[in-house]
Protein backbone atom coordinates (compact mmCIF):
# COMPACT_ATOMS: atom_id res chain seq x y z
CA UNK A 1 13.74 -22.73 -22.10
CA UNK A 2 14.72 -26.44 -21.79
CA UNK A 3 17.40 -26.92 -19.16
CA UNK A 4 17.44 -23.21 -18.36
CA UNK A 5 16.50 -23.74 -14.70
CA UNK A 6 18.45 -26.85 -13.56
CA UNK A 7 18.47 -25.72 -9.93
CA UNK A 8 14.67 -25.88 -9.66
CA UNK A 9 12.48 -28.89 -9.07
CA UNK A 10 10.99 -30.08 -12.38
CA UNK A 11 7.48 -29.02 -11.33
CA UNK A 12 8.77 -25.58 -10.38
CA UNK A 13 10.45 -25.23 -13.75
CA UNK A 14 7.21 -26.25 -15.41
CA UNK A 15 5.30 -23.68 -13.42
CA UNK A 16 7.70 -20.90 -14.39
CA UNK A 17 7.55 -22.00 -18.01
CA UNK A 18 3.78 -21.86 -17.80
CA UNK A 19 3.95 -18.33 -16.38
CA UNK A 20 6.14 -17.24 -19.29
CA UNK A 21 3.78 -18.83 -21.80
CA UNK A 22 0.78 -17.27 -20.11
CA UNK A 23 2.35 -13.83 -20.28
CA UNK A 24 3.26 -14.31 -23.94
CA UNK A 25 -0.32 -15.29 -24.70
CA UNK A 26 -1.61 -12.19 -22.85
CA UNK A 27 0.71 -10.10 -25.01
CA UNK A 28 -0.52 -11.84 -28.17
CA UNK A 29 2.80 -13.60 -28.82
CA UNK A 30 3.31 -17.29 -29.71
CA UNK A 31 3.53 -19.45 -26.60
CA UNK A 32 6.64 -21.27 -27.85
CA UNK A 33 7.60 -24.90 -28.51
CA UNK A 34 7.54 -25.86 -24.83
CA UNK A 35 4.05 -24.52 -24.16
CA UNK A 36 2.08 -26.53 -21.56
CA UNK A 37 -1.24 -28.06 -22.45
CA UNK A 38 -4.63 -26.59 -21.53
CA UNK A 39 -4.87 -28.47 -18.23
CA UNK A 40 -1.42 -27.31 -17.20
CA UNK A 41 -2.23 -23.73 -18.16
CA UNK A 42 -5.35 -23.90 -15.99
CA UNK A 43 -3.22 -25.08 -13.07
CA UNK A 44 -0.71 -22.29 -13.73
CA UNK A 45 -3.49 -19.69 -13.79
CA UNK A 46 -4.73 -20.97 -10.43
CA UNK A 47 -1.20 -20.66 -9.04
CA UNK A 48 -0.91 -17.14 -10.45
CA UNK A 49 -4.15 -16.12 -8.76
CA UNK A 50 -2.87 -17.59 -5.48
CA UNK A 51 0.50 -15.88 -5.76
CA UNK A 52 -1.04 -12.53 -6.72
CA UNK A 53 -3.43 -12.75 -3.77
CA UNK A 54 -0.49 -13.19 -1.40
CA UNK A 55 1.66 -10.58 -3.09
CA UNK A 56 -0.98 -7.86 -2.71
CA UNK A 57 -0.72 -8.16 1.06
CA UNK A 58 3.09 -8.37 0.81
CA UNK A 59 3.20 -5.13 -1.19
CA UNK A 60 0.98 -3.22 1.23
CA UNK A 61 2.81 -4.51 4.29
CA UNK A 62 6.18 -3.62 2.75
CA UNK A 63 4.88 -0.13 2.05
CA UNK A 64 3.60 0.24 5.60
CA UNK A 65 6.94 -0.93 7.04
CA UNK A 66 8.73 1.66 4.92
CA UNK A 67 6.34 4.36 6.09
CA UNK A 68 6.71 3.35 9.74
CA UNK A 69 10.47 3.75 9.27
CA UNK A 70 9.77 6.99 7.37
CA UNK A 71 11.86 5.84 4.43
CA UNK A 72 10.14 7.93 1.77
CA UNK A 73 12.18 6.57 -1.14
CA UNK A 74 11.15 3.00 -0.29
CA UNK A 75 7.54 4.12 0.10
CA UNK A 76 7.53 5.67 -3.35
CA UNK A 77 8.91 2.49 -4.90
CA UNK A 78 5.64 0.70 -4.06
CA UNK A 79 3.40 3.41 -5.53
CA UNK A 80 2.12 3.72 -9.10
CA UNK A 81 3.04 7.02 -10.81
CA UNK A 82 -0.64 8.02 -10.88
CA UNK A 83 -1.32 7.00 -7.25
CA UNK A 84 -4.44 8.52 -5.69
CA UNK A 85 -4.36 9.06 -1.93
CA UNK A 86 -7.42 10.21 -0.02
CA UNK A 87 -8.74 10.26 3.53
CA UNK A 88 -11.53 11.62 5.69
CA UNK A 89 -9.61 14.13 7.81
CA UNK A 90 -10.91 16.94 5.63
CA UNK A 91 -14.39 16.34 7.02
CA UNK A 92 -13.34 17.88 10.34
CA UNK A 93 -10.12 19.81 9.66
CA UNK A 94 -10.54 22.76 7.32
CA UNK A 95 -9.04 23.93 5.05
CA UNK A 96 -7.77 20.58 3.82
CA UNK A 97 -6.95 19.13 0.43
CA UNK A 98 -8.19 15.60 1.16
CA UNK A 99 -7.02 14.02 -2.13
CA UNK A 100 -3.53 13.82 -3.63
CA UNK A 101 -3.14 12.71 -7.24
CA UNK A 102 0.18 11.31 -8.44
CA UNK A 103 3.58 10.91 -6.81
CA UNK A 104 4.40 14.54 -7.59
CA UNK A 105 1.70 15.75 -5.21
CA UNK A 106 2.00 13.03 -2.60
CA UNK A 107 5.79 12.94 -2.09
CA UNK A 108 6.22 16.47 -0.63
CA UNK A 109 3.21 15.91 1.60
CA UNK A 110 4.71 12.67 2.93
CA UNK A 111 8.05 14.36 3.56
CA UNK A 112 6.36 17.20 5.42
CA UNK A 113 4.38 14.75 7.54
CA UNK A 114 7.52 12.72 8.33
CA UNK A 115 9.29 15.90 9.45
CA UNK A 116 6.54 16.64 11.98
CA UNK A 117 5.55 13.17 13.24
CA UNK A 118 7.52 10.06 14.17
CA UNK A 119 6.28 6.51 14.60
CA UNK A 120 6.91 4.67 17.85
CA UNK A 121 4.91 1.63 16.75
CA UNK A 122 2.64 0.43 13.95
CA UNK A 123 0.61 -2.76 13.84
CA UNK A 124 -1.37 -3.68 10.71
CA UNK A 125 -3.98 -6.32 11.55
CA UNK A 126 -7.08 -8.07 10.21
CA UNK A 127 -5.90 -8.14 6.57
CA UNK A 128 -8.59 -9.11 4.13
CA UNK A 129 -9.32 -8.99 0.43
CA UNK A 130 -12.47 -7.18 -0.64
CA UNK A 131 -14.91 -9.64 -2.19
CA UNK A 132 -16.47 -7.07 -4.52
CA UNK A 133 -13.08 -6.17 -6.01
CA UNK A 134 -10.15 -8.56 -5.56
CA UNK A 135 -7.61 -5.83 -6.35
CA UNK A 136 -8.57 -4.14 -3.05
CA UNK A 137 -7.02 -5.16 0.27
CA UNK A 138 -7.92 -3.75 3.67
CA UNK A 139 -6.24 -3.50 7.07
CA UNK A 140 -7.07 -2.17 10.48
CA UNK A 141 -3.97 -0.32 11.68
CA UNK A 142 -3.00 0.52 15.23
CA UNK A 143 -0.22 3.04 15.70
CA UNK A 144 1.64 5.09 18.28
CA UNK A 145 3.03 8.40 17.01
CA UNK A 146 4.92 11.30 18.52
CA UNK A 147 4.34 14.92 17.61
CA UNK A 148 7.93 16.10 17.18
CA UNK A 149 7.42 19.74 18.15
CA UNK A 150 5.62 19.03 21.44
CA UNK A 151 6.92 15.55 22.23
CA UNK A 152 3.35 14.39 22.96
CA UNK A 153 2.29 10.85 22.03
CA UNK A 154 -0.93 9.71 20.37
CA UNK A 155 -2.29 6.15 20.43
CA UNK A 156 -4.60 5.76 17.45
CA UNK A 157 -5.83 3.66 14.60
CA UNK A 158 -7.48 3.72 11.19
CA UNK A 159 -8.85 1.63 8.36
CA UNK A 160 -6.47 1.40 5.40
CA UNK A 161 -7.72 0.32 1.95
CA UNK A 162 -5.35 -0.08 -1.00
CA UNK A 163 -5.86 -1.01 -4.64
CA UNK A 164 -3.04 -3.11 -6.12
CA UNK A 165 -2.62 -3.28 -9.89
CA UNK A 166 0.42 -4.46 -11.80
CA UNK A 167 2.39 -5.03 -8.62
CA UNK A 168 2.04 -1.41 -7.46
CA UNK A 169 -0.31 0.48 -5.15
CA UNK A 170 -2.60 2.51 -7.40
CA UNK A 171 -4.86 4.03 -4.75
CA UNK A 172 -5.00 4.42 -0.97
CA UNK A 173 -7.98 5.37 1.16
CA UNK A 174 -7.47 5.99 4.87
CA UNK A 175 -10.32 6.35 7.33
CA UNK A 176 -9.15 8.03 10.55
CA UNK A 177 -10.92 8.84 13.77
CA UNK A 178 -10.86 12.49 12.77
CA UNK A 179 -12.53 13.73 15.97
CA UNK A 180 -9.91 12.02 18.13
CA UNK A 181 -7.09 13.42 16.02
CA UNK A 182 -8.46 16.95 16.21
CA UNK A 183 -8.97 16.60 19.98
CA UNK A 184 -5.34 15.52 20.38
CA UNK A 185 -4.15 18.63 18.57
CA UNK A 186 -6.29 20.83 20.81
CA UNK A 187 -4.99 18.99 23.87
CA UNK A 188 -1.39 19.85 23.06
CA UNK A 189 -2.44 23.49 22.70
CA UNK A 190 -1.58 23.84 19.03
CA UNK A 191 -4.57 25.45 17.38
CA UNK A 192 -2.52 26.48 14.39
CA UNK A 193 -1.72 22.79 13.81
CA UNK A 194 -5.41 21.94 13.96
CA UNK A 195 -6.03 24.39 11.13
CA UNK A 196 -3.10 23.45 8.91
CA UNK A 197 -3.37 20.32 6.81
CA UNK A 198 0.37 20.05 6.22
CA UNK A 199 1.28 20.30 9.89
CA UNK A 200 -1.41 18.08 11.37
CA UNK A 201 -1.80 15.19 9.10
CA UNK A 202 -0.36 11.70 8.93
CA UNK A 203 0.12 9.97 5.62
CA UNK A 204 -0.73 7.21 5.08
CA UNK A 205 -0.68 5.26 8.30
């Protein structure tokens, strides 16, 4: 590793070397001749925790941007293969699946939703990390969406909770104002939409 990163500041090179050594130790491999000492490894671990904290928000916000643009392929790139998506709409709209397990189930649902709704605006706000589980991050999301078939516009919001593990989103929970959403569907005179999970629902805004 010596001299492998001449374009970086020496401290940055040392940090990256520490990250490599830390990963090798996690994998049960020898740290290598250039391994940092215990104090340096402690500093590296602190940096890793800081970087991972920031990256969790970055991952979620990148996913939300992709969803707002309805770029499904980009959305899927941020999801773990065994992603679990769930929300509370099923409490008021029946029949409704409520939980999707894995990309294979979630992808067609997202594509169907994108074909029936378009985003005019999305604003994630109040990001925070859950104290009881640091892999969980939470946002309050405000959005403006258009129902493609009717052209009507809904101003709404929800609480969005995501679990990040290994740099991917492993689970998503969305808490909508289900009563407002159902009322909007009745307002536009589309009772069949109010009874069909695939035609009413937004994922995962």
